Amino acid sequence: MKEDDKQKVHQLLDLMQKHDFSAYMNICYESIVTYPEQVTGLSIPIRDKLAALDRMIQHFAEMDEFEKCSELNKIKGKIK
């Protein structure tokens, strides 16, 4: 993918995060549960990965989407 195309995708996701956070979280969730190795394999500190997943879990718990919380907790278990 060309750098310009990557920028457009990032801009779109940034707009979604600001204007429709729930839709943004659903996209993130689908990506993470479909490709968990992308999260577990990221070369960022474990605490940052866990903090991001905790934030997602909090969001889905507030939406009463506990099955999503469960899936994210499974991925957290693979990180620890």
PDB file of N, CA and C in Angstrom:
ATOM      1  N   MET A   1       0.852  -1.172   0.000  1.00  0.00           N
ATOM      2  CA  MET A   1       0.000   0.000   0.000  1.00  0.00           C
ATOM      3  C   MET A   1       0.895   1.231   0.000  1.00  0.00           C
ATOM      4  N   LYS A   2       0.526   2.182  -0.830  1.00  0.00           N
ATOM      5  CA  LYS A   2       1.291   3.423  -0.907  1.00  0.00           C
ATOM      6  C   LYS A   2       1.121   4.224   0.382  1.00  0.00           C
ATOM      7  N   GLU A   3       2.120   5.030   0.667  1.00  0.00           N
ATOM      8  CA  GLU A   3       2.106   5.836   1.890  1.00  0.00           C
ATOM      9  C   GLU A   3       0.900   6.776   1.927  1.00  0.00           C
ATOM     10  N   ASP A   4       0.533   7.346   0.786  1.00  0.00           N
ATOM     11  CA  ASP A   4      -0.623   8.240   0.717  1.00  0.00           C
ATOM     12  C   ASP A   4      -1.908   7.489   1.083  1.00  0.00           C
ATOM     13  N   ASP A   5      -2.023   6.255   0.611  1.00  0.00           N
ATOM     14  CA  ASP A   5      -3.196   5.440   0.944  1.00  0.00           C
ATOM     15  C   ASP A   5      -3.235   5.118   2.435  1.00  0.00           C
ATOM     16  N   LYS A   6      -2.081   4.838   3.018  1.00  0.00           N
ATOM     17  CA  LYS A   6      -2.017   4.560   4.457  1.00  0.00           C
ATOM     18  C   LYS A   6      -2.479   5.778   5.247  1.00  0.00           C
ATOM     19  N   GLN A   7      -2.057   6.951   4.805  1.00  0.00           N
ATOM     20  CA  GLN A   7      -2.462   8.193   5.477  1.00  0.00           C
ATOM     21  C   GLN A   7      -3.972   8.374   5.425  1.00  0.00           C
ATOM     22  N   LYS A   8      -4.567   8.053   4.290  1.00  0.00           N
ATOM     23  CA  LYS A   8      -6.016   8.192   4.156  1.00  0.00           C
ATOM     24  C   LYS A   8      -6.747   7.249   5.105  1.00  0.00           C
ATOM     25  N   VAL A   9      -6.251   6.033   5.238  1.00  0.00           N
ATOM     26  CA  VAL A   9      -6.854   5.069   6.156  1.00  0.00           C
ATOM     27  C   VAL A   9      -6.727   5.574   7.590  1.00  0.00           C
ATOM     28  N   HIS A  10      -5.550   6.064   7.946  1.00  0.00           N
ATOM     29  CA  HIS A  10      -5.342   6.601   9.298  1.00  0.00           C
ATOM     30  C   HIS A  10      -6.278   7.783   9.564  1.00  0.00           C
ATOM     31  N   GLN A  11      -6.447   8.644   8.585  1.00  0.00           N
ATOM     32  CA  GLN A  11      -7.341   9.787   8.750  1.00  0.00           C
ATOM     33  C   GLN A  11      -8.786   9.333   8.960  1.00  0.00           C
ATOM     34  N   LEU A  12      -9.195   8.340   8.189  1.00  0.00           N
ATOM     35  CA  LEU A  12     -10.551   7.819   8.326  1.00  0.00           C
ATOM     36  C   LEU A  12     -10.768   7.228   9.715  1.00  0.00           C
ATOM     37  N   LEU A  13      -9.812   6.438  10.177  1.00  0.00           N
ATOM     38  CA  LEU A  13      -9.935   5.850  11.510  1.00  0.00           C
ATOM     39  C   LEU A  13      -9.922   6.919  12.604  1.00  0.00           C
ATOM     40  N   ASP A  14      -9.094   7.933  12.430  1.00  0.00           N
ATOM     41  CA  ASP A  14      -9.077   9.033  13.399  1.00  0.00           C
ATOM     42  C   ASP A  14     -10.436   9.735  13.458  1.00  0.00           C
ATOM     43  N   LEU A  15     -11.036   9.962  12.301  1.00  0.00           N
ATOM     44  CA  LEU A  15     -12.362  10.593  12.274  1.00  0.00           C
ATOM     45  C   LEU A  15     -13.408   9.707  12.938  1.00  0.00           C
ATOM     46  N   MET A  16     -13.348   8.407  12.659  1.00  0.00           N
ATOM     47  CA  MET A  16     -14.298   7.488  13.285  1.00  0.00           C
ATOM     48  C   MET A  16     -14.131   7.498  14.798  1.00  0.00           C
ATOM     49  N   GLN A  17     -12.881   7.503  15.248  1.00  0.00           N
ATOM     50  CA  GLN A  17     -12.632   7.499  16.689  1.00  0.00           C
ATOM     51  C   GLN A  17     -13.247   8.735  17.341  1.00  0.00           C
ATOM     52  N   LYS A  18     -13.161   9.862  16.680  1.00  0.00           N
ATOM     53  CA  LYS A  18     -13.682  11.109  17.235  1.00  0.00           C
ATOM     54  C   LYS A  18     -15.200  11.231  17.129  1.00  0.00           C
ATOM     55  N   HIS A  19     -15.780  10.720  16.037  1.00  0.00           N
ATOM     56  CA  HIS A  19     -17.192  10.970  15.772  1.00  0.00           C
ATOM     57  C   HIS A  19     -18.120   9.784  16.031  1.00  0.00           C
ATOM     58  N   ASP A  20     -17.577   8.582  15.996  1.00  0.00           N
ATOM     59  CA  ASP A  20     -18.399   7.399  16.264  1.00  0.00           C
ATOM     60  C   ASP A  20     -17.517   6.372  16.967  1.00  0.00           C
ATOM     61  N   PHE A  21     -17.251   6.644  18.237  1.00  0.00           N
ATOM     62  CA  PHE A  21     -16.309   5.835  19.002  1.00  0.00           C
ATOM     63  C   PHE A  21     -16.747   4.379  19.077  1.00  0.00           C
ATOM     64  N   SER A  22     -18.029   4.133  19.180  1.00  0.00           N
ATOM     65  CA  SER A  22     -18.523   2.768  19.269  1.00  0.00           C
ATOM     66  C   SER A  22     -18.217   1.983  17.990  1.00  0.00           C
ATOM     67  N   ALA A  23     -18.427   2.598  16.846  1.00  0.00           N
ATOM     68  CA  ALA A  23     -18.106   1.942  15.574  1.00  0.00           C
ATOM     69  C   ALA A  23     -16.603   1.696  15.476  1.00  0.00           C
ATOM     70  N   TYR A  24     -15.837   2.664  15.909  1.00  0.00           N
ATOM     71  CA  TYR A  24     -14.379   2.526  15.915  1.00  0.00           C
ATOM     72  C   TYR A  24     -13.948   1.347  16.794  1.00  0.00           C
ATOM     73  N   MET A  25     -14.535   1.243  17.973  1.00  0.00           N
ATOM     74  CA  MET A  25     -14.188   0.142  18.874  1.00  0.00           C
ATOM     75  C   MET A  25     -14.587  -1.200  18.276  1.00  0.00           C
ATOM     76  N   ASN A  26     -15.701  -1.249  17.584  1.00  0.00           N
ATOM     77  CA  ASN A  26     -16.118  -2.490  16.931  1.00  0.00           C
ATOM     78  C   ASN A  26     -15.145  -2.901  15.833  1.00  0.00           C
ATOM     79  N   ILE A  27     -14.655  -1.940  15.075  1.00  0.00           N
ATOM     80  CA  ILE A  27     -13.658  -2.241  14.043  1.00  0.00           C
ATOM     81  C   ILE A  27     -12.378  -2.758  14.691  1.00  0.00           C
ATOM     82  N   CYS A  28     -11.949  -2.105  15.752  1.00  0.00           N
ATOM     83  CA  CYS A  28     -10.749  -2.556  16.468  1.00  0.00           C
ATOM     84  C   CYS A  28     -10.956  -3.961  17.016  1.00  0.00           C
ATOM     85  N   TYR A  29     -12.101  -4.203  17.607  1.00  0.00           N
ATOM     86  CA  TYR A  29     -12.405  -5.517  18.167  1.00  0.00           C
ATOM     87  C   TYR A  29     -12.337  -6.590  17.089  1.00  0.00           C
ATOM     88  N   GLU A  30     -13.002  -6.366  15.971  1.00  0.00           N
ATOM     89  CA  GLU A  30     -13.014  -7.354  14.893  1.00  0.00           C
ATOM     90  C   GLU A  30     -11.605  -7.645  14.395  1.00  0.00           C
ATOM     91  N   SER A  31     -10.796  -6.607  14.273  1.00  0.00           N
ATOM     92  CA  SER A  31      -9.417  -6.791  13.827  1.00  0.00           C
ATOM     93  C   SER A  31      -8.612  -7.606  14.824  1.00  0.00           C
ATOM     94  N   ILE A  32      -8.791  -7.308  16.097  1.00  0.00           N
ATOM     95  CA  ILE A  32      -8.011  -7.980  17.139  1.00  0.00           C
ATOM     96  C   ILE A  32      -8.404  -9.441  17.288  1.00  0.00           C
ATOM     97  N   VAL A  33      -9.687  -9.751  17.268  1.00  0.00           N
ATOM     98  CA  VAL A  33     -10.087 -11.150  17.440  1.00  0.00           C
ATOM     99  C   VAL A  33      -9.827 -11.960  16.173  1.00  0.00           C
ATOM    100  N   THR A  34      -9.809 -11.308  15.022  1.00  0.00           N
ATOM    101  CA  THR A  34      -9.502 -12.008  13.780  1.00  0.00           C
ATOM    102  C   THR A  34      -8.007 -12.276  13.650  1.00  0.00           C
ATOM    103  N   TYR A  35      -7.201 -11.341  14.092  1.00  0.00           N
ATOM    104  CA  TYR A  35      -5.743 -11.452  13.979  1.00  0.00           C
ATOM    105  C   TYR A  35      -5.067 -11.189  15.326  1.00  0.00           C
ATOM    106  N   PRO A  36      -5.310 -12.027  16.332  1.00  0.00           N
ATOM    107  CA  PRO A  36      -4.746 -11.772  17.662  1.00  0.00           C
ATOM    108  C   PRO A  36      -3.220 -11.768  17.680  1.00  0.00           C
ATOM    109  N   GLU A  37      -2.607 -12.506  16.763  1.00  0.00           N
ATOM    110  CA  GLU A  37      -1.143 -12.540  16.724  1.00  0.00           C
ATOM    111  C   GLU A  37      -0.557 -11.174  16.378  1.00  0.00           C
ATOM    112  N   GLN A  38      -1.336 -10.329  15.740  1.00  0.00           N
ATOM    113  CA  GLN A  38      -0.864  -8.979  15.452  1.00  0.00           C
ATOM    114  C   GLN A  38      -0.721  -8.171  16.741  1.00  0.00           C
ATOM    115  N   VAL A  39      -1.591  -8.430  17.694  1.00  0.00           N
ATOM    116  CA  VAL A  39      -1.518  -7.728  18.981  1.00  0.00           C
ATOM    117  C   VAL A  39      -0.434  -8.350  19.854  1.00  0.00           C
ATOM    118  N   THR A  40      -0.459  -9.667  19.953  1.00  0.00           N
ATOM    119  CA  THR A  40       0.505 -10.338  20.831  1.00  0.00           C
ATOM    120  C   THR A  40       1.929 -10.151  20.325  1.00  0.00           C
ATOM    121  N   GLY A  41       2.101 -10.003  19.012  1.00  0.00           N
ATOM    122  CA  GLY A  41       3.432  -9.874  18.445  1.00  0.00           C
ATOM    123  C   GLY A  41       3.955  -8.459  18.317  1.00  0.00           C
ATOM    124  N   LEU A  42       3.140  -7.469  18.641  1.00  0.00           N
ATOM    125  CA  LEU A  42       3.595  -6.081  18.537  1.00  0.00           C
ATOM    126  C   LEU A  42       4.782  -5.827  19.456  1.00  0.00           C
ATOM    127  N   SER A  43       5.720  -5.051  18.960  1.00  0.00           N
ATOM    128  CA  SER A  43       6.899  -4.758  19.773  1.00  0.00           C
ATOM    129  C   SER A  43       6.701  -3.453  20.556  1.00  0.00           C
ATOM    130  N   ILE A  44       5.641  -3.440  21.350  1.00  0.00           N
ATOM    131  CA  ILE A  44       5.400  -2.333  22.276  1.00  0.00           C
ATOM    132  C   ILE A  44       5.339  -2.940  23.676  1.00  0.00           C
ATOM    133  N   PRO A  45       5.548  -2.132  24.693  1.00  0.00           N
ATOM    134  CA  PRO A  45       5.541  -2.688  26.054  1.00  0.00           C
ATOM    135  C   PRO A  45       4.241  -3.427  26.375  1.00  0.00           C
ATOM    136  N   ILE A  46       4.383  -4.520  27.091  1.00  0.00           N
ATOM    137  CA  ILE A  46       3.231  -5.339  27.473  1.00  0.00           C
ATOM    138  C   ILE A  46       2.196  -4.501  28.211  1.00  0.00           C
ATOM    139  N   ARG A  47       2.648  -3.621  29.090  1.00  0.00           N
ATOM    140  CA  ARG A  47       1.699  -2.811  29.864  1.00  0.00           C
ATOM    141  C   ARG A  47       0.834  -1.947  28.954  1.00  0.00           C
ATOM    142  N   ASP A  48       1.399  -1.480  27.825  1.00  0.00           N
ATOM    143  CA  ASP A  48       0.621  -0.670  26.883  1.00  0.00           C
ATOM    144  C   ASP A  48      -0.421  -1.517  26.156  1.00  0.00           C
ATOM    145  N   LYS A  49      -0.040  -2.740  25.777  1.00  0.00           N
ATOM    146  CA  LYS A  49      -0.995  -3.645  25.139  1.00  0.00           C
ATOM    147  C   LYS A  49      -2.144  -3.952  26.094  1.00  0.00           C
ATOM    148  N   LEU A  50      -1.783  -4.273  27.337  1.00  0.00           N
ATOM    149  CA  LEU A  50      -2.807  -4.630  28.326  1.00  0.00           C
ATOM    150  C   LEU A  50      -3.706  -3.438  28.640  1.00  0.00           C
ATOM    151  N   ALA A  51      -3.128  -2.246  28.703  1.00  0.00           N
ATOM    152  CA  ALA A  51      -3.920  -1.040  28.981  1.00  0.00           C
ATOM    153  C   ALA A  51      -4.924  -0.787  27.852  1.00  0.00           C
ATOM    154  N   ALA A  52      -4.495  -0.983  26.619  1.00  0.00           N
ATOM    155  CA  ALA A  52      -5.400  -0.778  25.484  1.00  0.00           C
ATOM    156  C   ALA A  52      -6.532  -1.805  25.509  1.00  0.00           C
ATOM    157  N   LEU A  53      -6.196  -3.052  25.786  1.00  0.00           N
ATOM    158  CA  LEU A  53      -7.231  -4.083  25.862  1.00  0.00           C
ATOM    159  C   LEU A  53      -8.171  -3.822  27.029  1.00  0.00           C
ATOM    160  N   ASP A  54      -7.627  -3.367  28.154  1.00  0.00           N
ATOM    161  CA  ASP A  54      -8.479  -3.024  29.299  1.00  0.00           C
ATOM    162  C   ASP A  54      -9.454  -1.908  28.946  1.00  0.00           C
ATOM    163  N   ARG A  55      -9.000  -0.937  28.183  1.00  0.00           N
ATOM    164  CA  ARG A  55      -9.878   0.172  27.774  1.00  0.00           C
ATOM    165  C   ARG A  55     -10.998  -0.353  26.875  1.00  0.00           C
ATOM    166  N   MET A  56     -10.648  -1.278  25.991  1.00  0.00           N
ATOM    167  CA  MET A  56     -11.662  -1.869  25.119  1.00  0.00           C
ATOM    168  C   MET A  56     -12.659  -2.679  25.938  1.00  0.00           C
ATOM    169  N   ILE A  57     -12.156  -3.452  26.884  1.00  0.00           N
ATOM    170  CA  ILE A  57     -13.026  -4.265  27.745  1.00  0.00           C
ATOM    171  C   ILE A  57     -13.974  -3.361  28.517  1.00  0.00           C
ATOM    172  N   GLN A  58     -13.457  -2.276  29.036  1.00  0.00           N
ATOM    173  CA  GLN A  58     -14.300  -1.317  29.766  1.00  0.00           C
ATOM    174  C   GLN A  58     -15.406  -0.787  28.857  1.00  0.00           C
ATOM    175  N   HIS A  59     -15.053  -0.423  27.645  1.00  0.00           N
ATOM    176  CA  HIS A  59     -16.041   0.099  26.699  1.00  0.00           C
ATOM    177  C   HIS A  59     -17.147  -0.925  26.451  1.00  0.00           C
ATOM    178  N   PHE A  60     -16.761  -2.173  26.145  1.00  0.00           N
ATOM    179  CA  PHE A  60     -17.760  -3.181  25.827  1.00  0.00           C
ATOM    180  C   PHE A  60     -18.561  -3.600  27.054  1.00  0.00           C
ATOM    181  N   ALA A  61     -17.979  -3.527  28.233  1.00  0.00           N
ATOM    182  CA  ALA A  61     -18.738  -3.806  29.453  1.00  0.00           C
ATOM    183  C   ALA A  61     -19.813  -2.739  29.652  1.00  0.00           C
ATOM    184  N   GLU A  62     -19.474  -1.483  29.371  1.00  0.00           N
ATOM    185  CA  GLU A  62     -20.442  -0.396  29.475  1.00  0.00           C
ATOM    186  C   GLU A  62     -21.586  -0.567  28.474  1.00  0.00           C
ATOM    187  N   MET A  63     -21.305  -1.233  27.362  1.00  0.00           N
ATOM    188  CA  MET A  63     -22.315  -1.486  26.326  1.00  0.00           C
ATOM    189  C   MET A  63     -23.039  -2.820  26.552  1.00  0.00           C
ATOM    190  N   ASP A  64     -22.724  -3.487  27.668  1.00  0.00           N
ATOM    191  CA  ASP A  64     -23.293  -4.808  27.986  1.00  0.00           C
ATOM    192  C   ASP A  64     -22.980  -5.850  26.912  1.00  0.00           C
ATOM    193  N   GLU A  65     -21.820  -5.748  26.319  1.00  0.00           N
ATOM    194  CA  GLU A  65     -21.371  -6.713  25.311  1.00  0.00           C
ATOM    195  C   GLU A  65     -20.292  -7.591  25.946  1.00  0.00           C
ATOM    196  N   PHE A  66     -20.733  -8.422  26.868  1.00  0.00           N
ATOM    197  CA  PHE A  66     -19.805  -9.185  27.694  1.00  0.00           C
ATOM    198  C   PHE A  66     -19.103 -10.304  26.935  1.00  0.00           C
ATOM    199  N   GLU A  67     -19.697 -10.780  25.842  1.00  0.00           N
ATOM    200  CA  GLU A  67     -19.027 -11.802  25.051  1.00  0.00           C
ATOM    201  C   GLU A  67     -17.757 -11.231  24.415  1.00  0.00           C
ATOM    202  N   LYS A  68     -17.794  -9.960  24.055  1.00  0.00           N
ATOM    203  CA  LYS A  68     -16.605  -9.307  23.513  1.00  0.00           C
ATOM    204  C   LYS A  68     -15.557  -9.140  24.602  1.00  0.00           C
ATOM    205  N   CYS A  69     -15.997  -8.823  25.800  1.00  0.00           N
ATOM    206  CA  CYS A  69     -15.070  -8.713  26.939  1.00  0.00           C
ATOM    207  C   CYS A  69     -14.355 -10.039  27.153  1.00  0.00           C
ATOM    208  N   SER A  70     -15.097 -11.112  27.062  1.00  0.00           N
ATOM    209  CA  SER A  70     -14.531 -12.439  27.260  1.00  0.00           C
ATOM    210  C   SER A  70     -13.463 -12.745  26.212  1.00  0.00           C
ATOM    211  N   GLU A  71     -13.745 -12.428  24.965  1.00  0.00           N
ATOM    212  CA  GLU A  71     -12.774 -12.677  23.894  1.00  0.00           C
ATOM    213  C   GLU A  71     -11.513 -11.838  24.089  1.00  0.00           C
ATOM    214  N   LEU A  72     -11.689 -10.598  24.481  1.00  0.00           N
ATOM    215  CA  LEU A  72     -10.529  -9.734  24.715  1.00  0.00           C
ATOM    216  C   LEU A  72      -9.719 -10.211  25.918  1.00  0.00           C
ATOM    217  N   ASN A  73     -10.394 -10.722  26.933  1.00  0.00           N
ATOM    218  CA  ASN A  73      -9.679 -11.274  28.083  1.00  0.00           C
ATOM    219  C   ASN A  73      -8.851 -12.498  27.701  1.00  0.00           C
ATOM    220  N   LYS A  74      -9.336 -13.293  26.760  1.00  0.00           N
ATOM    221  CA  LYS A  74      -8.561 -14.438  26.278  1.00  0.00           C
ATOM    222  C   LYS A  74      -7.266 -13.968  25.625  1.00  0.00           C
ATOM    223  N   ILE A  75      -7.358 -12.913  24.859  1.00  0.00           N
ATOM    224  CA  ILE A  75      -6.171 -12.371  24.195  1.00  0.00           C
ATOM    225  C   ILE A  75      -5.216 -11.792  25.234  1.00  0.00           C
ATOM    226  N   LYS A  76      -5.777 -11.132  26.249  1.00  0.00           N
ATOM    227  CA  LYS A  76      -4.929 -10.619  27.344  1.00  0.00           C
ATOM    228  C   LYS A  76      -4.152 -11.753  27.991  1.00  0.00           C
ATOM    229  N   GLY A  77      -4.803 -12.913  28.158  1.00  0.00           N
ATOM    230  CA  GLY A  77      -4.150 -14.067  28.757  1.00  0.00           C
ATOM    231  C   GLY A  77      -2.968 -14.553  27.945  1.00  0.00           C
ATOM    232  N   LYS A  78      -3.027 -14.385  26.630  1.00  0.00           N
ATOM    233  CA  LYS A  78      -1.927 -14.799  25.760  1.00  0.00           C
ATOM    234  C   LYS A  78      -0.750 -13.829  25.848  1.00  0.00           C
ATOM    235  N   ILE A  79      -1.025 -12.611  26.265  1.00  0.00           N
ATOM    236  CA  ILE A  79       0.020 -11.580  26.361  1.00  0.00           C
ATOM    237  C   ILE A  79       0.794 -11.722  27.664  1.00  0.00           C
ATOM    238  N   LYS A  80       0.091 -12.049  28.737  1.00  0.00           N
ATOM    239  CA  LYS A  80       0.724 -12.091  30.063  1.00  0.00           C
ATOM    240  C   LYS A  80       1.774 -13.122  30.173  1.00  0.00           C
TER     241      LYS A  80
END
